[in-house]
Amino acid sequence: MNEENRKIAWSYITKIGDEMKGKLPDSPNHPKGRNPYAHILILIKTKFGCSYKEIPDEKLSTLIRFVDFVKEKSISK
């Protein structure tokens, strides 16, 4: 992914992470609360098989839709 698209992707990931703060379900593995940014990044790596930085430029819109999906599914539980 080129630098401009990386900035767009990271900006969007942090925006959604900010919106998810304190809204993820409790977990005994995270007694101080869950990190929404790490949650998003782990799911991106699981889905795409690589870091968000390594996703091809032409899949930026797919990445953004996936981050929206993660937010919707993670906080609706």
PDB file of N, CA and C in Angstrom:
ATOM      1  N   MET A   1       0.854  -1.175   0.000  1.00  0.00           N
ATOM      2  CA  MET A   1       0.000   0.000   0.000  1.00  0.00           C
ATOM      3  C   MET A   1       0.897   1.233   0.000  1.00  0.00           C
ATOM      4  N   ASN A   2       0.549   2.212  -0.805  1.00  0.00           N
ATOM      5  CA  ASN A   2       1.365   3.424  -0.842  1.00  0.00           C
ATOM      6  C   ASN A   2       1.145   4.276   0.412  1.00  0.00           C
ATOM      7  N   GLU A   3       2.016   5.233   0.618  1.00  0.00           N
ATOM      8  CA  GLU A   3       2.015   6.050   1.840  1.00  0.00           C
ATOM      9  C   GLU A   3       0.686   6.785   2.043  1.00  0.00           C
ATOM     10  N   GLU A   4       0.146   7.360   0.997  1.00  0.00           N
ATOM     11  CA  GLU A   4      -1.121   8.108   1.111  1.00  0.00           C
ATOM     12  C   GLU A   4      -2.256   7.189   1.565  1.00  0.00           C
ATOM     13  N   ASN A   5      -2.357   6.017   0.968  1.00  0.00           N
ATOM     14  CA  ASN A   5      -3.409   5.074   1.350  1.00  0.00           C
ATOM     15  C   ASN A   5      -3.189   4.514   2.751  1.00  0.00           C
ATOM     16  N   ARG A   6      -1.913   4.332   3.143  1.00  0.00           N
ATOM     17  CA  ARG A   6      -1.625   3.895   4.516  1.00  0.00           C
ATOM     18  C   ARG A   6      -2.140   4.911   5.528  1.00  0.00           C
ATOM     19  N   LYS A   7      -1.925   6.185   5.227  1.00  0.00           N
ATOM     20  CA  LYS A   7      -2.409   7.244   6.128  1.00  0.00           C
ATOM     21  C   LYS A   7      -3.929   7.243   6.200  1.00  0.00           C
ATOM     22  N   ILE A   8      -4.578   7.059   5.064  1.00  0.00           N
ATOM     23  CA  ILE A   8      -6.045   7.002   5.034  1.00  0.00           C
ATOM     24  C   ILE A   8      -6.526   5.813   5.863  1.00  0.00           C
ATOM     25  N   ALA A   9      -5.915   4.648   5.646  1.00  0.00           N
ATOM     26  CA  ALA A   9      -6.315   3.438   6.366  1.00  0.00           C
ATOM     27  C   ALA A   9      -6.097   3.604   7.872  1.00  0.00           C
ATOM     28  N   TRP A  10      -4.926   4.089   8.272  1.00  0.00           N
ATOM     29  CA  TRP A  10      -4.639   4.233   9.700  1.00  0.00           C
ATOM     30  C   TRP A  10      -5.565   5.258  10.340  1.00  0.00           C
ATOM     31  N   SER A  11      -5.830   6.334   9.648  1.00  0.00           N
ATOM     32  CA  SER A  11      -6.741   7.353  10.163  1.00  0.00           C
ATOM     33  C   SER A  11      -8.128   6.746  10.402  1.00  0.00           C
ATOM     34  N   TYR A  12      -8.577   5.929   9.481  1.00  0.00           N
ATOM     35  CA  TYR A  12      -9.892   5.310   9.621  1.00  0.00           C
ATOM     36  C   TYR A  12      -9.894   4.279  10.745  1.00  0.00           C
ATOM     37  N   ILE A  13      -8.837   3.485  10.833  1.00  0.00           N
ATOM     38  CA  ILE A  13      -8.737   2.484  11.909  1.00  0.00           C
ATOM     39  C   ILE A  13      -8.763   3.172  13.273  1.00  0.00           C
ATOM     40  N   THR A  14      -8.022   4.272  13.420  1.00  0.00           N
ATOM     41  CA  THR A  14      -8.006   4.965  14.717  1.00  0.00           C
ATOM     42  C   THR A  14      -9.351   5.630  15.009  1.00  0.00           C
ATOM     43  N   LYS A  15     -10.011   6.145  13.988  1.00  0.00           N
ATOM     44  CA  LYS A  15     -11.342   6.753  14.177  1.00  0.00           C
ATOM     45  C   LYS A  15     -12.327   5.713  14.700  1.00  0.00           C
ATOM     46  N   ILE A  16     -12.347   4.552  14.070  1.00  0.00           N
ATOM     47  CA  ILE A  16     -13.261   3.490  14.496  1.00  0.00           C
ATOM     48  C   ILE A  16     -12.835   2.946  15.865  1.00  0.00           C
ATOM     49  N   GLY A  17     -11.533   2.812  16.103  1.00  0.00           N
ATOM     50  CA  GLY A  17     -11.042   2.377  17.416  1.00  0.00           C
ATOM     51  C   GLY A  17     -11.486   3.328  18.509  1.00  0.00           C
ATOM     52  N   ASP A  18     -11.420   4.625  18.236  1.00  0.00           N
ATOM     53  CA  ASP A  18     -11.888   5.623  19.207  1.00  0.00           C
ATOM     54  C   ASP A  18     -13.370   5.420  19.513  1.00  0.00           C
ATOM     55  N   GLU A  19     -14.155   5.146  18.487  1.00  0.00           N
ATOM     56  CA  GLU A  19     -15.595   4.939  18.670  1.00  0.00           C
ATOM     57  C   GLU A  19     -15.891   3.658  19.452  1.00  0.00           C
ATOM     58  N   MET A  20     -14.984   2.692  19.384  1.00  0.00           N
ATOM     59  CA  MET A  20     -15.197   1.403  20.058  1.00  0.00           C
ATOM     60  C   MET A  20     -14.678   1.372  21.493  1.00  0.00           C
ATOM     61  N   LYS A  21     -13.968   2.412  21.913  1.00  0.00           N
ATOM     62  CA  LYS A  21     -13.408   2.429  23.279  1.00  0.00           C
ATOM     63  C   LYS A  21     -14.507   2.201  24.307  1.00  0.00           C
ATOM     64  N   GLY A  22     -14.252   1.232  25.183  1.00  0.00           N
ATOM     65  CA  GLY A  22     -15.183   0.933  26.273  1.00  0.00           C
ATOM     66  C   GLY A  22     -16.432   0.193  25.830  1.00  0.00           C
ATOM     67  N   LYS A  23     -16.538  -0.186  24.566  1.00  0.00           N
ATOM     68  CA  LYS A  23     -17.744  -0.845  24.064  1.00  0.00           C
ATOM     69  C   LYS A  23     -17.544  -2.323  23.736  1.00  0.00           C
ATOM     70  N   LEU A  24     -16.283  -2.796  23.767  1.00  0.00           N
ATOM     71  CA  LEU A  24     -16.039  -4.213  23.500  1.00  0.00           C
ATOM     72  C   LEU A  24     -16.479  -5.030  24.709  1.00  0.00           C
ATOM     73  N   PRO A  25     -16.977  -6.234  24.478  1.00  0.00           N
ATOM     74  CA  PRO A  25     -17.395  -7.076  25.609  1.00  0.00           C
ATOM     75  C   PRO A  25     -16.229  -7.333  26.566  1.00  0.00           C
ATOM     76  N   ASP A  26     -16.547  -7.452  27.849  1.00  0.00           N
ATOM     77  CA  ASP A  26     -15.524  -7.745  28.850  1.00  0.00           C
ATOM     78  C   ASP A  26     -14.895  -9.101  28.580  1.00  0.00           C
ATOM     79  N   SER A  27     -13.644  -9.224  28.994  1.00  0.00           N
ATOM     80  CA  SER A  27     -12.927 -10.483  28.825  1.00  0.00           C
ATOM     81  C   SER A  27     -12.057 -10.714  30.052  1.00  0.00           C
ATOM     82  N   PRO A  28     -12.065 -11.933  30.596  1.00  0.00           N
ATOM     83  CA  PRO A  28     -11.208 -12.225  31.748  1.00  0.00           C
ATOM     84  C   PRO A  28      -9.721 -12.117  31.394  1.00  0.00           C
ATOM     85  N   ASN A  29      -9.396 -12.195  30.107  1.00  0.00           N
ATOM     86  CA  ASN A  29      -8.005 -12.078  29.672  1.00  0.00           C
ATOM     87  C   ASN A  29      -7.531 -10.624  29.627  1.00  0.00           C
ATOM     88  N   HIS A  30      -8.460  -9.692  29.757  1.00  0.00           N
ATOM     89  CA  HIS A  30      -8.137  -8.259  29.691  1.00  0.00           C
ATOM     90  C   HIS A  30      -8.803  -7.536  30.862  1.00  0.00           C
ATOM     91  N   PRO A  31      -8.286  -7.734  32.081  1.00  0.00           N
ATOM     92  CA  PRO A  31      -8.938  -7.162  33.264  1.00  0.00           C
ATOM     93  C   PRO A  31      -8.991  -5.632  33.272  1.00  0.00           C
ATOM     94  N   LYS A  32      -8.106  -4.970  32.552  1.00  0.00           N
ATOM     95  CA  LYS A  32      -8.112  -3.502  32.520  1.00  0.00           C
ATOM     96  C   LYS A  32      -8.895  -2.966  31.323  1.00  0.00           C
ATOM     97  N   GLY A  33      -9.551  -3.856  30.597  1.00  0.00           N
ATOM     98  CA  GLY A  33     -10.312  -3.464  29.419  1.00  0.00           C
ATOM     99  C   GLY A  33      -9.600  -3.865  28.146  1.00  0.00           C
ATOM    100  N   ARG A  34     -10.359  -3.975  27.090  1.00  0.00           N
ATOM    101  CA  ARG A  34      -9.807  -4.412  25.806  1.00  0.00           C
ATOM    102  C   ARG A  34      -9.358  -3.227  24.976  1.00  0.00           C
ATOM    103  N   ASN A  35      -8.347  -3.461  24.160  1.00  0.00           N
ATOM    104  CA  ASN A  35      -7.779  -2.438  23.286  1.00  0.00           C
ATOM    105  C   ASN A  35      -8.468  -2.540  21.923  1.00  0.00           C
ATOM    106  N   PRO A  36      -9.321  -1.569  21.579  1.00  0.00           N
ATOM    107  CA  PRO A  36     -10.057  -1.678  20.319  1.00  0.00           C
ATOM    108  C   PRO A  36      -9.160  -1.597  19.084  1.00  0.00           C
ATOM    109  N   TYR A  37      -8.054  -0.880  19.176  1.00  0.00           N
ATOM    110  CA  TYR A  37      -7.130  -0.764  18.035  1.00  0.00           C
ATOM    111  C   TYR A  37      -6.484  -2.116  17.750  1.00  0.00           C
ATOM    112  N   ALA A  38      -6.015  -2.777  18.807  1.00  0.00           N
ATOM    113  CA  ALA A  38      -5.414  -4.106  18.650  1.00  0.00           C
ATOM    114  C   ALA A  38      -6.454  -5.096  18.139  1.00  0.00           C
ATOM    115  N   HIS A  39      -7.668  -4.981  18.620  1.00  0.00           N
ATOM    116  CA  HIS A  39      -8.758  -5.857  18.178  1.00  0.00           C
ATOM    117  C   HIS A  39      -8.951  -5.735  16.664  1.00  0.00           C
ATOM    118  N   ILE A  40      -9.034  -4.517  16.175  1.00  0.00           N
ATOM    119  CA  ILE A  40      -9.215  -4.279  14.739  1.00  0.00           C
ATOM    120  C   ILE A  40      -8.024  -4.818  13.957  1.00  0.00           C
ATOM    121  N   LEU A  41      -6.818  -4.497  14.398  1.00  0.00           N
ATOM    122  CA  LEU A  41      -5.612  -4.897  13.662  1.00  0.00           C
ATOM    123  C   LEU A  41      -5.439  -6.414  13.618  1.00  0.00           C
ATOM    124  N   ILE A  42      -5.772  -7.099  14.706  1.00  0.00           N
ATOM    125  CA  ILE A  42      -5.678  -8.561  14.730  1.00  0.00           C
ATOM    126  C   ILE A  42      -6.671  -9.170  13.737  1.00  0.00           C
ATOM    127  N   LEU A  43      -7.880  -8.626  13.710  1.00  0.00           N
ATOM    128  CA  LEU A  43      -8.877  -9.156  12.778  1.00  0.00           C
ATOM    129  C   LEU A  43      -8.513  -8.860  11.326  1.00  0.00           C
ATOM    130  N   ILE A  44      -7.897  -7.710  11.066  1.00  0.00           N
ATOM    131  CA  ILE A  44      -7.416  -7.401   9.709  1.00  0.00           C
ATOM    132  C   ILE A  44      -6.371  -8.437   9.298  1.00  0.00           C
ATOM    133  N   LYS A  45      -5.437  -8.705  10.192  1.00  0.00           N
ATOM    134  CA  LYS A  45      -4.371  -9.670   9.875  1.00  0.00           C
ATOM    135  C   LYS A  45      -4.954 -11.067   9.644  1.00  0.00           C
ATOM    136  N   THR A  46      -5.958 -11.435  10.432  1.00  0.00           N
ATOM    137  CA  THR A  46      -6.606 -12.730  10.262  1.00  0.00           C
ATOM    138  C   THR A  46      -7.338 -12.806   8.925  1.00  0.00           C
ATOM    139  N   LYS A  47      -8.079 -11.769   8.600  1.00  0.00           N
ATOM    140  CA  LYS A  47      -8.875 -11.757   7.363  1.00  0.00           C
ATOM    141  C   LYS A  47      -8.008 -11.675   6.106  1.00  0.00           C
ATOM    142  N   PHE A  48      -7.049 -10.757   6.091  1.00  0.00           N
ATOM    143  CA  PHE A  48      -6.274 -10.496   4.882  1.00  0.00           C
ATOM    144  C   PHE A  48      -4.940 -11.248   4.841  1.00  0.00           C
ATOM    145  N   GLY A  49      -4.525 -11.821   5.969  1.00  0.00           N
ATOM    146  CA  GLY A  49      -3.274 -12.566   6.012  1.00  0.00           C
ATOM    147  C   GLY A  49      -2.037 -11.690   6.039  1.00  0.00           C
ATOM    148  N   CYS A  50      -2.222 -10.394   6.339  1.00  0.00           N
ATOM    149  CA  CYS A  50      -1.095  -9.466   6.391  1.00  0.00           C
ATOM    150  C   CYS A  50      -1.506  -8.219   7.167  1.00  0.00           C
ATOM    151  N   SER A  51      -0.546  -7.383   7.444  1.00  0.00           N
ATOM    152  CA  SER A  51      -0.788  -6.105   8.097  1.00  0.00           C
ATOM    153  C   SER A  51      -1.585  -5.198   7.164  1.00  0.00           C
ATOM    154  N   TYR A  52      -2.287  -4.225   7.738  1.00  0.00           N
ATOM    155  CA  TYR A  52      -3.039  -3.284   6.897  1.00  0.00           C
ATOM    156  C   TYR A  52      -2.115  -2.560   5.920  1.00  0.00           C
ATOM    157  N   LYS A  53      -0.850  -2.380   6.300  1.00  0.00           N
ATOM    158  CA  LYS A  53       0.118  -1.684   5.447  1.00  0.00           C
ATOM    159  C   LYS A  53       0.492  -2.498   4.207  1.00  0.00           C
ATOM    160  N   GLU A  54       0.303  -3.792   4.274  1.00  0.00           N
ATOM    161  CA  GLU A  54       0.698  -4.677   3.183  1.00  0.00           C
ATOM    162  C   GLU A  54      -0.446  -5.000   2.220  1.00  0.00           C
ATOM    163  N   ILE A  55      -1.636  -4.522   2.527  1.00  0.00           N
ATOM    164  CA  ILE A  55      -2.787  -4.768   1.660  1.00  0.00           C
ATOM    165  C   ILE A  55      -2.620  -3.941   0.382  1.00  0.00           C
ATOM    166  N   PRO A  56      -2.896  -4.522  -0.770  1.00  0.00           N
ATOM    167  CA  PRO A  56      -2.747  -3.774  -2.029  1.00  0.00           C
ATOM    168  C   PRO A  56      -3.639  -2.525  -2.075  1.00  0.00           C
ATOM    169  N   ASP A  57      -3.168  -1.499  -2.742  1.00  0.00           N
ATOM    170  CA  ASP A  57      -3.909  -0.237  -2.852  1.00  0.00           C
ATOM    171  C   ASP A  57      -5.329  -0.439  -3.360  1.00  0.00           C
ATOM    172  N   GLU A  58      -5.499  -1.340  -4.312  1.00  0.00           N
ATOM    173  CA  GLU A  58      -6.823  -1.529  -4.901  1.00  0.00           C
ATOM    174  C   GLU A  58      -7.826  -2.157  -3.934  1.00  0.00           C
ATOM    175  N   LYS A  59      -7.355  -2.623  -2.767  1.00  0.00           N
ATOM    176  CA  LYS A  59      -8.254  -3.205  -1.772  1.00  0.00           C
ATOM    177  C   LYS A  59      -8.527  -2.259  -0.598  1.00  0.00           C
ATOM    178  N   LEU A  60      -8.178  -0.990  -0.735  1.00  0.00           N
ATOM    179  CA  LEU A  60      -8.405  -0.026   0.352  1.00  0.00           C
ATOM    180  C   LEU A  60      -9.888   0.057   0.719  1.00  0.00           C
ATOM    181  N   SER A  61     -10.761   0.123  -0.260  1.00  0.00           N
ATOM    182  CA  SER A  61     -12.191   0.222   0.043  1.00  0.00           C
ATOM    183  C   SER A  61     -12.696  -1.054   0.720  1.00  0.00           C
ATOM    184  N   THR A  62     -12.143  -2.197   0.353  1.00  0.00           N
ATOM    185  CA  THR A  62     -12.501  -3.459   1.003  1.00  0.00           C
ATOM    186  C   THR A  62     -12.056  -3.433   2.464  1.00  0.00           C
ATOM    187  N   LEU A  63     -10.869  -2.917   2.717  1.00  0.00           N
ATOM    188  CA  LEU A  63     -10.363  -2.791   4.081  1.00  0.00           C
ATOM    189  C   LEU A  63     -11.273  -1.896   4.912  1.00  0.00           C
ATOM    190  N   ILE A  64     -11.669  -0.773   4.367  1.00  0.00           N
ATOM    191  CA  ILE A  64     -12.526   0.163   5.101  1.00  0.00           C
ATOM    192  C   ILE A  64     -13.883  -0.476   5.404  1.00  0.00           C
ATOM    193  N   ARG A  65     -14.442  -1.186   4.441  1.00  0.00           N
ATOM    194  CA  ARG A  65     -15.711  -1.877   4.688  1.00  0.00           C
ATOM    195  C   ARG A  65     -15.540  -2.947   5.768  1.00  0.00           C
ATOM    196  N   PHE A  66     -14.393  -3.627   5.768  1.00  0.00           N
ATOM    197  CA  PHE A  66     -14.140  -4.647   6.777  1.00  0.00           C
ATOM    198  C   PHE A  66     -14.040  -4.027   8.172  1.00  0.00           C
ATOM    199  N   VAL A  67     -13.380  -2.883   8.287  1.00  0.00           N
ATOM    200  CA  VAL A  67     -13.271  -2.203   9.587  1.00  0.00           C
ATOM    201  C   VAL A  67     -14.665  -1.810  10.082  1.00  0.00           C
ATOM    202  N   ASP A  68     -15.527  -1.343   9.189  1.00  0.00           N
ATOM    203  CA  ASP A  68     -16.918  -1.041   9.566  1.00  0.00           C
ATOM    204  C   ASP A  68     -17.634  -2.298  10.052  1.00  0.00           C
ATOM    205  N   PHE A  69     -17.405  -3.407   9.363  1.00  0.00           N
ATOM    206  CA  PHE A  69     -17.995  -4.682   9.739  1.00  0.00           C
ATOM    207  C   PHE A  69     -17.529  -5.103  11.132  1.00  0.00           C
ATOM    208  N   VAL A  70     -16.237  -4.961  11.395  1.00  0.00           N
ATOM    209  CA  VAL A  70     -15.684  -5.308  12.709  1.00  0.00           C
ATOM    210  C   VAL A  70     -16.366  -4.490  13.794  1.00  0.00           C
ATOM    211  N   LYS A  71     -16.515  -3.203  13.563  1.00  0.00           N
ATOM    212  CA  LYS A  71     -17.170  -2.337  14.554  1.00  0.00           C
ATOM    213  C   LYS A  71     -18.602  -2.812  14.800  1.00  0.00           C
ATOM    214  N   GLU A  72     -19.324  -3.029  13.734  1.00  0.00           N
ATOM    215  CA  GLU A  72     -20.731  -3.441  13.856  1.00  0.00           C
ATOM    216  C   GLU A  72     -20.884  -4.745  14.628  1.00  0.00           C
ATOM    217  N   LYS A  73     -20.050  -5.729  14.289  1.00  0.00           N
ATOM    218  CA  LYS A  73     -20.168  -7.049  14.932  1.00  0.00           C
ATOM    219  C   LYS A  73     -19.587  -7.076  16.346  1.00  0.00           C
ATOM    220  N   SER A  74     -18.563  -6.283  16.601  1.00  0.00           N
ATOM    221  CA  SER A  74     -17.886  -6.336  17.901  1.00  0.00           C
ATOM    222  C   SER A  74     -18.649  -5.632  19.003  1.00  0.00           C
ATOM    223  N   ILE A  75     -19.343  -4.559  18.674  1.00  0.00           N
ATOM    224  CA  ILE A  75     -20.035  -3.818  19.750  1.00  0.00           C
ATOM    225  C   ILE A  75     -21.515  -4.175  19.828  1.00  0.00           C
ATOM    226  N   SER A  76     -22.001  -5.006  18.937  1.00  0.00           N
ATOM    227  CA  SER A  76     -23.418  -5.387  18.995  1.00  0.00           C
ATOM    228  C   SER A  76     -23.629  -6.647  19.819  1.00  0.00           C
ATOM    229  N   LYS A  77     -22.554  -7.219  20.337  1.00  0.00           N
ATOM    230  CA  LYS A  77     -22.657  -8.465  21.122  1.00  0.00           C
ATOM    231  C   LYS A  77     -23.219  -8.194  22.495  1.00  0.00           C
TER     232      LYS A  77
END
